[in-house]
PDB file of N, CA and C in Angstrom:
ATOM      1  N   UNK A   1       0.833  -1.177   0.000  1.00  0.00           N
ATOM      2  CA  UNK A   1       0.000   0.000   0.000  1.00  0.00           C
ATOM      3  C   UNK A   1       0.881   1.246   0.000  1.00  0.00           C
ATOM      4  N   UNK A   2       0.577   2.195  -0.835  1.00  0.00           N
ATOM      5  CA  UNK A   2       1.319   3.455  -0.914  1.00  0.00           C
ATOM      6  C   UNK A   2       0.576   4.537  -0.141  1.00  0.00           C
ATOM      7  N   UNK A   3       1.285   5.226   0.720  1.00  0.00           N
ATOM      8  CA  UNK A   3       0.695   6.352   1.427  1.00  0.00           C
ATOM      9  C   UNK A   3       1.657   7.516   1.382  1.00  0.00           C
ATOM     10  N   UNK A   4       1.125   8.691   1.307  1.00  0.00           N
ATOM     11  CA  UNK A   4       1.961   9.885   1.257  1.00  0.00           C
ATOM     12  C   UNK A   4       2.208  10.367   2.684  1.00  0.00           C
ATOM     13  N   UNK A   5       3.469  10.664   3.004  1.00  0.00           N
ATOM     14  CA  UNK A   5       3.775  11.187   4.327  1.00  0.00           C
ATOM     15  C   UNK A   5       4.040  12.683   4.264  1.00  0.00           C
ATOM     16  N   UNK A   6       4.494  13.286   5.354  1.00  0.00           N
ATOM     17  CA  UNK A   6       4.642  14.739   5.456  1.00  0.00           C
ATOM     18  C   UNK A   6       5.594  15.345   4.443  1.00  0.00           C
ATOM     19  N   UNK A   7       6.669  14.648   4.085  1.00  0.00           N
ATOM     20  CA  UNK A   7       7.661  15.251   3.194  1.00  0.00           C
ATOM     21  C   UNK A   7       7.416  14.919   1.726  1.00  0.00           C
ATOM     22  N   UNK A   8       6.303  14.284   1.412  1.00  0.00           N
ATOM     23  CA  UNK A   8       5.965  14.045   0.023  1.00  0.00           C
ATOM     24  C   UNK A   8       6.508  12.748  -0.535  1.00  0.00           C
ATOM     25  N   UNK A   9       7.071  11.897   0.294  1.00  0.00           N
ATOM     26  CA  UNK A   9       7.546  10.605  -0.191  1.00  0.00           C
ATOM     27  C   UNK A   9       6.499   9.547   0.128  1.00  0.00           C
ATOM     28  N   UNK A  10       6.742   8.362  -0.335  1.00  0.00           N
ATOM     29  CA  UNK A  10       5.789   7.293  -0.148  1.00  0.00           C
ATOM     30  C   UNK A  10       6.407   6.210   0.729  1.00  0.00           C
ATOM     31  N   UNK A  11       5.596   5.568   1.530  1.00  0.00           N
ATOM     32  CA  UNK A  11       6.106   4.516   2.409  1.00  0.00           C
ATOM     33  C   UNK A  11       6.017   3.180   1.700  1.00  0.00           C
ATOM     34  N   UNK A  12       7.136   2.472   1.700  1.00  0.00           N
ATOM     35  CA  UNK A  12       7.257   1.160   1.066  1.00  0.00           C
ATOM     36  C   UNK A  12       8.210   0.323   1.904  1.00  0.00           C
ATOM     37  N   UNK A  13       8.444  -0.871   1.445  1.00  0.00           N
ATOM     38  CA  UNK A  13       9.437  -1.725   2.080  1.00  0.00           C
ATOM     39  C   UNK A  13      10.816  -1.532   1.468  1.00  0.00           C
ATOM     40  N   UNK A  14      10.950  -0.697   0.452  1.00  0.00           N
ATOM     41  CA  UNK A  14      12.240  -0.473  -0.192  1.00  0.00           C
ATOM     42  C   UNK A  14      12.671   0.980   0.034  1.00  0.00           C
ATOM     43  N   UNK A  15      13.951   1.273  -0.184  1.00  0.00           N
ATOM     44  CA  UNK A  15      14.443   2.641   0.074  1.00  0.00           C
ATOM     45  C   UNK A  15      13.710   3.682  -0.764  1.00  0.00           C
ATOM     46  N   UNK A  16      13.526   4.830  -0.189  1.00  0.00           N
ATOM     47  CA  UNK A  16      12.912   5.950  -0.890  1.00  0.00           C
ATOM     48  C   UNK A  16      14.011   6.776  -1.525  1.00  0.00           C
ATOM     49  N   UNK A  17      13.899   7.045  -2.804  1.00  0.00           N
ATOM     50  CA  UNK A  17      14.955   7.734  -3.534  1.00  0.00           C
ATOM     51  C   UNK A  17      14.654   9.205  -3.791  1.00  0.00           C
ATOM     52  N   UNK A  18      13.529   9.689  -3.323  1.00  0.00           N
ATOM     53  CA  UNK A  18      13.205  11.098  -3.489  1.00  0.00           C
ATOM     54  C   UNK A  18      12.586  11.395  -4.837  1.00  0.00           C
ATOM     55  N   UNK A  19      12.743  12.627  -5.276  1.00  0.00           N
ATOM     56  CA  UNK A  19      12.127  13.079  -6.522  1.00  0.00           C
ATOM     57  C   UNK A  19      12.871  12.543  -7.741  1.00  0.00           C
ATOM     58  N   UNK A  20      12.137  12.364  -8.814  1.00  0.00           N
ATOM     59  CA  UNK A  20      12.705  11.949 -10.096  1.00  0.00           C
ATOM     60  C   UNK A  20      13.642  13.044 -10.596  1.00  0.00           C
ATOM     61  N   UNK A  21      14.794  12.661 -11.100  1.00  0.00           N
ATOM     62  CA  UNK A  21      15.778  13.630 -11.603  1.00  0.00           C
ATOM     63  C   UNK A  21      15.403  14.190 -12.970  1.00  0.00           C
ATOM     64  N   UNK A  22      14.348  13.675 -13.586  1.00  0.00           N
ATOM     65  CA  UNK A  22      13.888  14.207 -14.870  1.00  0.00           C
ATOM     66  C   UNK A  22      12.662  15.095 -14.672  1.00  0.00           C
ATOM     67  N   UNK A  23      11.573  14.545 -14.141  1.00  0.00           N
ATOM     68  CA  UNK A  23      10.344  15.331 -13.972  1.00  0.00           C
ATOM     69  C   UNK A  23      10.278  16.049 -12.629  1.00  0.00           C
ATOM     70  N   UNK A  24      11.162  15.710 -11.719  1.00  0.00           N
ATOM     71  CA  UNK A  24      11.279  16.331 -10.390  1.00  0.00           C
ATOM     72  C   UNK A  24      10.067  16.084  -9.493  1.00  0.00           C
ATOM     73  N   UNK A  25       9.282  15.049  -9.791  1.00  0.00           N
ATOM     74  CA  UNK A  25       8.113  14.727  -8.970  1.00  0.00           C
ATOM     75  C   UNK A  25       8.440  13.607  -7.989  1.00  0.00           C
ATOM     76  N   UNK A  26       7.819  13.669  -6.803  1.00  0.00           N
ATOM     77  CA  UNK A  26       7.894  12.576  -5.838  1.00  0.00           C
ATOM     78  C   UNK A  26       6.836  11.570  -6.237  1.00  0.00           C
ATOM     79  N   UNK A  27       7.264  10.401  -6.679  1.00  0.00           N
ATOM     80  CA  UNK A  27       6.336   9.378  -7.137  1.00  0.00           C
ATOM     81  C   UNK A  27       6.764   8.031  -6.560  1.00  0.00           C
ATOM     82  N   UNK A  28       5.832   7.123  -6.412  1.00  0.00           N
ATOM     83  CA  UNK A  28       6.204   5.817  -5.857  1.00  0.00           C
ATOM     84  C   UNK A  28       7.062   4.982  -6.801  1.00  0.00           C
ATOM     85  N   UNK A  29       7.098   5.330  -8.084  1.00  0.00           N
ATOM     86  CA  UNK A  29       7.876   4.534  -9.042  1.00  0.00           C
ATOM     87  C   UNK A  29       9.233   5.155  -9.373  1.00  0.00           C
ATOM     88  N   UNK A  30       9.748   6.018  -8.498  1.00  0.00           N
ATOM     89  CA  UNK A  30      11.115   6.525  -8.665  1.00  0.00           C
ATOM     90  C   UNK A  30      12.021   5.426  -8.098  1.00  0.00           C
ATOM     91  N   UNK A  31      12.405   4.504  -8.973  1.00  0.00           N
ATOM     92  CA  UNK A  31      13.150   3.327  -8.527  1.00  0.00           C
ATOM     93  C   UNK A  31      14.258   2.916  -9.488  1.00  0.00           C
ATOM     94  N   UNK A  32      14.464   3.690 -10.531  1.00  0.00           N
ATOM     95  CA  UNK A  32      15.469   3.382 -11.538  1.00  0.00           C
ATOM     96  C   UNK A  32      16.712   4.231 -11.300  1.00  0.00           C
ATOM     97  N   UNK A  33      17.846   3.566 -11.104  1.00  0.00           N
ATOM     98  CA  UNK A  33      19.104   4.263 -10.878  1.00  0.00           C
ATOM     99  C   UNK A  33      19.895   4.227 -12.182  1.00  0.00           C
ATOM    100  N   UNK A  34      20.264   5.393 -12.677  1.00  0.00           N
ATOM    101  CA  UNK A  34      20.977   5.520 -13.942  1.00  0.00           C
ATOM    102  C   UNK A  34      22.418   5.910 -13.653  1.00  0.00           C
ATOM    103  N   UNK A  35      23.360   5.128 -14.185  1.00  0.00           N
ATOM    104  CA  UNK A  35      24.785   5.424 -14.027  1.00  0.00           C
ATOM    105  C   UNK A  35      25.221   6.352 -15.152  1.00  0.00           C
ATOM    106  N   UNK A  36      25.848   7.457 -14.792  1.00  0.00           N
ATOM    107  CA  UNK A  36      26.257   8.464 -15.761  1.00  0.00           C
ATOM    108  C   UNK A  36      27.754   8.368 -16.033  1.00  0.00           C
ATOM    109  N   UNK A  37      28.213   8.958 -17.112  1.00  0.00           N
ATOM    110  CA  UNK A  37      29.596   8.773 -17.561  1.00  0.00           C
ATOM    111  C   UNK A  37      30.556   9.864 -17.085  1.00  0.00           C
ATOM    112  N   UNK A  38      30.215  10.529 -16.001  1.00  0.00           N
ATOM    113  CA  UNK A  38      31.091  11.547 -15.432  1.00  0.00           C
ATOM    114  C   UNK A  38      31.095  11.425 -13.914  1.00  0.00           C
ATOM    115  N   UNK A  39      32.008  12.135 -13.270  1.00  0.00           N
ATOM    116  CA  UNK A  39      32.193  12.038 -11.823  1.00  0.00           C
ATOM    117  C   UNK A  39      31.006  12.615 -11.059  1.00  0.00           C
ATOM    118  N   UNK A  40      30.738  12.013  -9.910  1.00  0.00           N
ATOM    119  CA  UNK A  40      29.683  12.472  -9.010  1.00  0.00           C
ATOM    120  C   UNK A  40      30.122  13.739  -8.277  1.00  0.00           C
ATOM    121  N   UNK A  41      29.164  14.548  -7.833  1.00  0.00           N
ATOM    122  CA  UNK A  41      29.521  15.738  -7.061  1.00  0.00           C
ATOM    123  C   UNK A  41      30.282  15.406  -5.772  1.00  0.00           C
ATOM    124  N   UNK A  42      29.955  14.263  -5.151  1.00  0.00           N
ATOM    125  CA  UNK A  42      30.612  13.842  -3.914  1.00  0.00           C
ATOM    126  C   UNK A  42      31.285  12.493  -4.177  1.00  0.00           C
ATOM    127  N   UNK A  43      32.606  12.463  -4.106  1.00  0.00           N
ATOM    128  CA  UNK A  43      33.358  11.224  -4.351  1.00  0.00           C
ATOM    129  C   UNK A  43      32.917  10.125  -3.384  1.00  0.00           C
ATOM    130  N   UNK A  44      32.858   8.903  -3.915  1.00  0.00           N
ATOM    131  CA  UNK A  44      32.514   7.750  -3.092  1.00  0.00           C
ATOM    132  C   UNK A  44      31.031   7.502  -2.916  1.00  0.00           C
ATOM    133  N   UNK A  45      30.184   8.281  -3.567  1.00  0.00           N
ATOM    134  CA  UNK A  45      28.732   8.121  -3.396  1.00  0.00           C
ATOM    135  C   UNK A  45      28.034   7.667  -4.668  1.00  0.00           C
ATOM    136  N   UNK A  46      28.798   7.253  -5.667  1.00  0.00           N
ATOM    137  CA  UNK A  46      28.200   6.880  -6.947  1.00  0.00           C
ATOM    138  C   UNK A  46      28.463   5.438  -7.314  1.00  0.00           C
ATOM    139  N   UNK A  47      28.626   5.196  -8.610  1.00  0.00           N
ATOM    140  CA  UNK A  47      28.852   3.839  -9.112  1.00  0.00           C
ATOM    141  C   UNK A  47      30.337   3.632  -9.381  1.00  0.00           C
ATOM    142  N   UNK A  48      30.721   2.372  -9.348  1.00  0.00           N
ATOM    143  CA  UNK A  48      32.096   1.995  -9.634  1.00  0.00           C
ATOM    144  C   UNK A  48      32.119   0.557 -10.123  1.00  0.00           C
ATOM    145  N   UNK A  49      33.297  -0.024 -10.206  1.00  0.00           N
ATOM    146  CA  UNK A  49      33.419  -1.397 -10.698  1.00  0.00           C
ATOM    147  C   UNK A  49      34.517  -2.124  -9.937  1.00  0.00           C
ATOM    148  N   UNK A  50      34.173  -3.247  -9.353  1.00  0.00           N
ATOM    149  CA  UNK A  50      35.132  -4.048  -8.609  1.00  0.00           C
ATOM    150  C   UNK A  50      36.134  -4.683  -9.561  1.00  0.00           C
ATOM    151  N   UNK A  51      35.667  -5.166 -10.697  1.00  0.00           N
ATOM    152  CA  UNK A  51      36.548  -5.889 -11.614  1.00  0.00           C
ATOM    153  C   UNK A  51      37.671  -5.023 -12.154  1.00  0.00           C
ATOM    154  N   UNK A  52      37.382  -3.808 -12.535  1.00  0.00           N
ATOM    155  CA  UNK A  52      38.440  -2.968 -13.111  1.00  0.00           C
ATOM    156  C   UNK A  52      38.997  -1.953 -12.120  1.00  0.00           C
ATOM    157  N   UNK A  53      38.569  -2.022 -10.875  1.00  0.00           N
ATOM    158  CA  UNK A  53      39.112  -1.158  -9.846  1.00  0.00           C
ATOM    159  C   UNK A  53      38.663   0.287  -9.950  1.00  0.00           C
ATOM    160  N   UNK A  54      37.552   0.515 -10.581  1.00  0.00           N
ATOM    161  CA  UNK A  54      37.022   1.864 -10.745  1.00  0.00           C
ATOM    162  C   UNK A  54      36.359   2.302  -9.438  1.00  0.00           C
ATOM    163  N   UNK A  55      36.796   3.416  -8.899  1.00  0.00           N
ATOM    164  CA  UNK A  55      36.263   3.928  -7.634  1.00  0.00           C
ATOM    165  C   UNK A  55      34.774   4.245  -7.748  1.00  0.00           C
ATOM    166  N   UNK A  56      34.107   4.280  -6.610  1.00  0.00           N
ATOM    167  CA  UNK A  56      32.669   4.576  -6.561  1.00  0.00           C
ATOM    168  C   UNK A  56      32.418   6.075  -6.701  1.00  0.00           C
ATOM    169  N   UNK A  57      32.937   6.635  -7.775  1.00  0.00           N
ATOM    170  CA  UNK A  57      32.878   8.079  -7.994  1.00  0.00           C
ATOM    171  C   UNK A  57      32.004   8.490  -9.173  1.00  0.00           C
ATOM    172  N   UNK A  58      31.349   7.555  -9.832  1.00  0.00           N
ATOM    173  CA  UNK A  58      30.511   7.889 -10.982  1.00  0.00           C
ATOM    174  C   UNK A  58      29.185   8.484 -10.561  1.00  0.00           C
ATOM    175  N   UNK A  59      28.747   9.511 -11.249  1.00  0.00           N
ATOM    176  CA  UNK A  59      27.477  10.172 -10.946  1.00  0.00           C
ATOM    177  C   UNK A  59      26.301   9.248 -11.243  1.00  0.00           C
ATOM    178  N   UNK A  60      25.231   9.407 -10.474  1.00  0.00           N
ATOM    179  CA  UNK A  60      24.005   8.654 -10.692  1.00  0.00           C
ATOM    180  C   UNK A  60      22.804   9.593 -10.633  1.00  0.00           C
ATOM    181  N   UNK A  61      21.744   9.170 -11.283  1.00  0.00           N
ATOM    182  CA  UNK A  61      20.462   9.866 -11.228  1.00  0.00           C
ATOM    183  C   UNK A  61      19.396   8.819 -10.974  1.00  0.00           C
ATOM    184  N   UNK A  62      18.294   9.223 -10.383  1.00  0.00           N
ATOM    185  CA  UNK A  62      17.161   8.321 -10.178  1.00  0.00           C
ATOM    186  C   UNK A  62      15.979   8.866 -10.967  1.00  0.00           C
ATOM    187  N   UNK A  63      15.276   7.962 -11.635  1.00  0.00           N
ATOM    188  CA  UNK A  63      14.141   8.409 -12.439  1.00  0.00           C
ATOM    189  C   UNK A  63      12.949   7.472 -12.272  1.00  0.00           C
ATOM    190  N   UNK A  64      11.789   8.023 -12.510  1.00  0.00           N
ATOM    191  CA  UNK A  64      10.550   7.254 -12.411  1.00  0.00           C
ATOM    192  C   UNK A  64      10.377   6.389 -13.664  1.00  0.00           C
ATOM    193  N   UNK A  65       9.466   5.457 -13.580  1.00  0.00           N
ATOM    194  CA  UNK A  65       9.215   4.549 -14.705  1.00  0.00           C
ATOM    195  C   UNK A  65       8.785   5.303 -15.965  1.00  0.00           C
ATOM    196  N   UNK A  66       7.915   6.313 -15.813  1.00  0.00           N
ATOM    197  CA  UNK A  66       7.433   7.065 -16.979  1.00  0.00           C
ATOM    198  C   UNK A  66       8.572   7.780 -17.687  1.00  0.00           C
ATOM    199  N   UNK A  67       9.436   8.452 -16.926  1.00  0.00           N
ATOM    200  CA  UNK A  67      10.549   9.184 -17.536  1.00  0.00           C
ATOM    201  C   UNK A  67      11.563   8.233 -18.162  1.00  0.00           C
ATOM    202  N   UNK A  68      11.748   7.075 -17.557  1.00  0.00           N
ATOM    203  CA  UNK A  68      12.645   6.078 -18.138  1.00  0.00           C
ATOM    204  C   UNK A  68      12.106   5.610 -19.488  1.00  0.00           C
ATOM    205  N   UNK A  69      10.821   5.307 -19.525  1.00  0.00           N
ATOM    206  CA  UNK A  69      10.196   4.831 -20.759  1.00  0.00           C
ATOM    207  C   UNK A  69      10.238   5.890 -21.863  1.00  0.00           C
ATOM    208  N   UNK A  70      10.063   7.158 -21.495  1.00  0.00           N
ATOM    209  CA  UNK A  70      10.049   8.245 -22.477  1.00  0.00           C
ATOM    210  C   UNK A  70      11.449   8.783 -22.792  1.00  0.00           C
ATOM    211  N   UNK A  71      12.463   8.273 -22.088  1.00  0.00           N
ATOM    212  CA  UNK A  71      13.833   8.778 -22.220  1.00  0.00           C
ATOM    213  C   UNK A  71      13.859  10.290 -21.994  1.00  0.00           C
ATOM    214  N   UNK A  72      13.177  10.716 -20.939  1.00  0.00           N
ATOM    215  CA  UNK A  72      13.098  12.134 -20.605  1.00  0.00           C
ATOM    216  C   UNK A  72      14.482  12.672 -20.233  1.00  0.00           C
ATOM    217  N   UNK A  73      14.800  13.879 -20.629  1.00  0.00           N
ATOM    218  CA  UNK A  73      16.115  14.444 -20.298  1.00  0.00           C
ATOM    219  C   UNK A  73      16.245  14.716 -18.802  1.00  0.00           C
ATOM    220  N   UNK A  74      17.426  14.481 -18.276  1.00  0.00           N
ATOM    221  CA  UNK A  74      17.684  14.721 -16.857  1.00  0.00           C
ATOM    222  C   UNK A  74      17.793  16.213 -16.583  1.00  0.00           C
ATOM    223  N   UNK A  75      17.190  16.636 -15.501  1.00  0.00           N
ATOM    224  CA  UNK A  75      17.286  18.011 -15.023  1.00  0.00           C
ATOM    225  C   UNK A  75      18.241  18.097 -13.836  1.00  0.00           C
ATOM    226  N   UNK A  76      18.320  16.987 -13.083  1.00  0.00           N
ATOM    227  CA  UNK A  76      19.137  16.929 -11.879  1.00  0.00           C
ATOM    228  C   UNK A  76      19.857  15.591 -11.817  1.00  0.00           C
ATOM    229  N   UNK A  77      20.756  15.472 -10.852  1.00  0.00           N
ATOM    230  CA  UNK A  77      21.402  14.196 -10.540  1.00  0.00           C
ATOM    231  C   UNK A  77      21.548  14.130  -9.032  1.00  0.00           C
ATOM    232  N   UNK A  78      21.900  12.963  -8.533  1.00  0.00           N
ATOM    233  CA  UNK A  78      22.044  12.800  -7.089  1.00  0.00           C
ATOM    234  C   UNK A  78      23.316  13.480  -6.617  1.00  0.00           C
ATOM    235  N   UNK A  79      23.190  14.331  -5.608  1.00  0.00           N
ATOM    236  CA  UNK A  79      24.344  15.046  -5.076  1.00  0.00           C
ATOM    237  C   UNK A  79      25.156  14.158  -4.151  1.00  0.00           C
ATOM    238  N   UNK A  80      24.527  13.223  -3.504  1.00  0.00           N
ATOM    239  CA  UNK A  80      25.168  12.288  -2.577  1.00  0.00           C
ATOM    240  C   UNK A  80      24.597  10.914  -2.892  1.00  0.00           C
ATOM    241  N   UNK A  81      24.438  10.059  -1.899  1.00  0.00           N
ATOM    242  CA  UNK A  81      23.791   8.769  -2.120  1.00  0.00           C
ATOM    243  C   UNK A  81      22.346   9.008  -2.550  1.00  0.00           C
ATOM    244  N   UNK A  82      21.812   8.193  -3.461  1.00  0.00           N
ATOM    245  CA  UNK A  82      20.435   8.404  -3.924  1.00  0.00           C
ATOM    246  C   UNK A  82      19.408   8.483  -2.783  1.00  0.00           C
ATOM    247  N   UNK A  83      19.529   7.635  -1.777  1.00  0.00           N
ATOM    248  CA  UNK A  83      18.559   7.631  -0.677  1.00  0.00           C
ATOM    249  C   UNK A  83      18.656   8.867   0.207  1.00  0.00           C
ATOM    250  N   UNK A  84      19.732   9.665   0.071  1.00  0.00           N
ATOM    251  CA  UNK A  84      19.841  10.918   0.830  1.00  0.00           C
ATOM    252  C   UNK A  84      18.928  11.994   0.261  1.00  0.00           C
ATOM    253  N   UNK A  85      18.437  11.792  -0.957  1.00  0.00           N
ATOM    254  CA  UNK A  85      17.472  12.670  -1.626  1.00  0.00           C
ATOM    255  C   UNK A  85      17.993  14.085  -1.876  1.00  0.00           C
ATOM    256  N   UNK A  86      19.291  14.242  -1.970  1.00  0.00           N
ATOM    257  CA  UNK A  86      19.867  15.541  -2.309  1.00  0.00           C
ATOM    258  C   UNK A  86      20.117  15.580  -3.811  1.00  0.00           C
ATOM    259  N   UNK A  87      19.827  16.707  -4.440  1.00  0.00           N
ATOM    260  CA  UNK A  87      19.977  16.835  -5.882  1.00  0.00           C
ATOM    261  C   UNK A  87      20.876  18.011  -6.239  1.00  0.00           C
ATOM    262  N   UNK A  88      21.465  17.930  -7.419  1.00  0.00           N
ATOM    263  CA  UNK A  88      22.276  19.010  -7.989  1.00  0.00           C
ATOM    264  C   UNK A  88      21.857  19.165  -9.446  1.00  0.00           C
ATOM    265  N   UNK A  89      22.085  20.331  -9.993  1.00  0.00           N
ATOM    266  CA  UNK A  89      21.727  20.580 -11.388  1.00  0.00           C
ATOM    267  C   UNK A  89      22.569  19.707 -12.315  1.00  0.00           C
ATOM    268  N   UNK A  90      21.925  19.030 -13.225  1.00  0.00           N
ATOM    269  CA  UNK A  90      22.609  18.142 -14.165  1.00  0.00           C
ATOM    270  C   UNK A  90      23.658  18.902 -14.979  1.00  0.00           C
ATOM    271  N   UNK A  91      23.311  20.075 -15.462  1.00  0.00           N
ATOM    272  CA  UNK A  91      24.216  20.831 -16.330  1.00  0.00           C
ATOM    273  C   UNK A  91      25.486  21.288 -15.618  1.00  0.00           C
ATOM    274  N   UNK A  92      25.435  21.395 -14.308  1.00  0.00           N
ATOM    275  CA  UNK A  92      26.613  21.806 -13.538  1.00  0.00           C
ATOM    276  C   UNK A  92      27.718  20.759 -13.592  1.00  0.00           C
ATOM    277  N   UNK A  93      27.357  19.479 -13.648  1.00  0.00           N
ATOM    278  CA  UNK A  93      28.339  18.395 -13.567  1.00  0.00           C
ATOM    279  C   UNK A  93      28.514  17.599 -14.857  1.00  0.00           C
ATOM    280  N   UNK A  94      27.579  17.686 -15.789  1.00  0.00           N
ATOM    281  CA  UNK A  94      27.605  16.856 -17.000  1.00  0.00           C
ATOM    282  C   UNK A  94      28.870  17.026 -17.832  1.00  0.00           C
ATOM    283  N   UNK A  95      29.460  18.177 -17.829  1.00  0.00           N
ATOM    284  CA  UNK A  95      30.669  18.410 -18.614  1.00  0.00           C
ATOM    285  C   UNK A  95      31.948  18.143 -17.841  1.00  0.00           C
ATOM    286  N   UNK A  96      31.822  17.565 -16.665  1.00  0.00           N
ATOM    287  CA  UNK A  96      32.976  17.349 -15.796  1.00  0.00           C
ATOM    288  C   UNK A  96      33.840  16.161 -16.194  1.00  0.00           C
ATOM    289  N   UNK A  97      34.704  15.773 -15.283  1.00  0.00           N
ATOM    290  CA  UNK A  97      35.653  14.691 -15.522  1.00  0.00           C
ATOM    291  C   UNK A  97      34.929  13.387 -15.838  1.00  0.00           C
ATOM    292  N   UNK A  98      35.403  12.701 -16.864  1.00  0.00           N
ATOM    293  CA  UNK A  98      34.777  11.450 -17.316  1.00  0.00           C
ATOM    294  C   UNK A  98      34.990  10.326 -16.313  1.00  0.00           C
ATOM    295  N   UNK A  99      34.081   9.376 -16.291  1.00  0.00           N
ATOM    296  CA  UNK A  99      34.151   8.206 -15.403  1.00  0.00           C
ATOM    297  C   UNK A  99      33.785   6.982 -16.250  1.00  0.00           C
ATOM    298  N   UNK A 100      34.803   6.205 -16.630  1.00  0.00           N
ATOM    299  CA  UNK A 100      34.596   5.058 -17.525  1.00  0.00           C
ATOM    300  C   UNK A 100      35.307   3.823 -16.994  1.00  0.00           C
ATOM    301  N   UNK A 101      34.799   2.662 -17.410  1.00  0.00           N
ATOM    302  CA  UNK A 101      35.464   1.392 -17.095  1.00  0.00           C
ATOM    303  C   UNK A 101      36.836   1.337 -17.751  1.00  0.00           C
ATOM    304  N   UNK A 102      37.753   0.614 -17.126  1.00  0.00           N
ATOM    305  CA  UNK A 102      39.066   0.338 -17.713  1.00  0.00           C
ATOM    306  C   UNK A 102      38.906  -0.958 -18.512  1.00  0.00           C
ATOM    307  N   UNK A 103      38.677  -0.800 -19.793  1.00  0.00           N
ATOM    308  CA  UNK A 103      38.318  -1.948 -20.639  1.00  0.00           C
ATOM    309  C   UNK A 103      39.396  -3.016 -20.698  1.00  0.00           C
ATOM    310  N   UNK A 104      40.663  -2.639 -20.538  1.00  0.00           N
ATOM    311  CA  UNK A 104      41.738  -3.640 -20.552  1.00  0.00           C
ATOM    312  C   UNK A 104      41.628  -4.605 -19.376  1.00  0.00           C
ATOM    313  N   UNK A 105      40.870  -4.252 -18.359  1.00  0.00           N
ATOM    314  CA  UNK A 105      40.658  -5.126 -17.198  1.00  0.00           C
ATOM    315  C   UNK A 105      39.348  -5.891 -17.275  1.00  0.00           C
ATOM    316  N   UNK A 106      38.713  -5.840 -18.427  1.00  0.00           N
ATOM    317  CA  UNK A 106      37.457  -6.554 -18.660  1.00  0.00           C
ATOM    318  C   UNK A 106      37.638  -7.540 -19.812  1.00  0.00           C
ATOM    319  N   UNK A 107      38.222  -8.695 -19.539  1.00  0.00           N
ATOM    320  CA  UNK A 107      38.439  -9.658 -20.617  1.00  0.00           C
ATOM    321  C   UNK A 107      37.134 -10.151 -21.263  1.00  0.00           C
ATOM    322  N   UNK A 108      36.040 -10.077 -20.533  1.00  0.00           N
ATOM    323  CA  UNK A 108      34.755 -10.523 -21.097  1.00  0.00           C
ATOM    324  C   UNK A 108      34.297  -9.626 -22.233  1.00  0.00           C
ATOM    325  N   UNK A 109      34.885  -8.439 -22.352  1.00  0.00           N
ATOM    326  CA  UNK A 109      34.514  -7.517 -23.417  1.00  0.00           C
ATOM    327  C   UNK A 109      35.429  -7.631 -24.630  1.00  0.00           C
ATOM    328  N   UNK A 110      36.507  -8.412 -24.509  1.00  0.00           N
ATOM    329  CA  UNK A 110      37.445  -8.585 -25.629  1.00  0.00           C
ATOM    330  C   UNK A 110      36.763  -9.353 -26.760  1.00  0.00           C
ATOM    331  N   UNK A 111      37.067  -9.011 -28.013  1.00  0.00           N
ATOM    332  CA  UNK A 111      36.466  -9.753 -29.132  1.00  0.00           C
ATOM    333  C   UNK A 111      36.880 -11.221 -29.114  1.00  0.00           C
ATOM    334  N   UNK A 112      36.005 -12.076 -29.557  1.00  0.00           N
ATOM    335  CA  UNK A 112      36.289 -13.514 -29.605  1.00  0.00           C
ATOM    336  C   UNK A 112      37.375 -13.774 -30.648  1.00  0.00           C
ATOM    337  N   UNK A 113      38.345 -14.600 -30.302  1.00  0.00           N
ATOM    338  CA  UNK A 113      39.427 -14.944 -31.248  1.00  0.00           C
ATOM    339  C   UNK A 113      39.157 -16.270 -31.916  1.00  0.00           C
TER     340      UNK A 113
END
């Protein structure tokens, strides 16, 4: 059962991620975490990779099911951990330092010989 509480979020058995980074609405279906190709505003609060040793510094955004389906443009991204519900302007960080896998450490991506 979904119920709205005082701060505009919904009560569930799973973590609340706050407002959608595309439409900026508090909805119960804000459950999609998108990994972005640049550094997060706060180091250590984003995505990384154990296999290639990539630090958890990649920026992430959370979006609702509707915005994911429509490929809606991001307006914001997560400033810290997604469940902290802090946001920053997407355009402020989108042009920043790149965050990519080290492909030489991913043999599963090498072409078949």
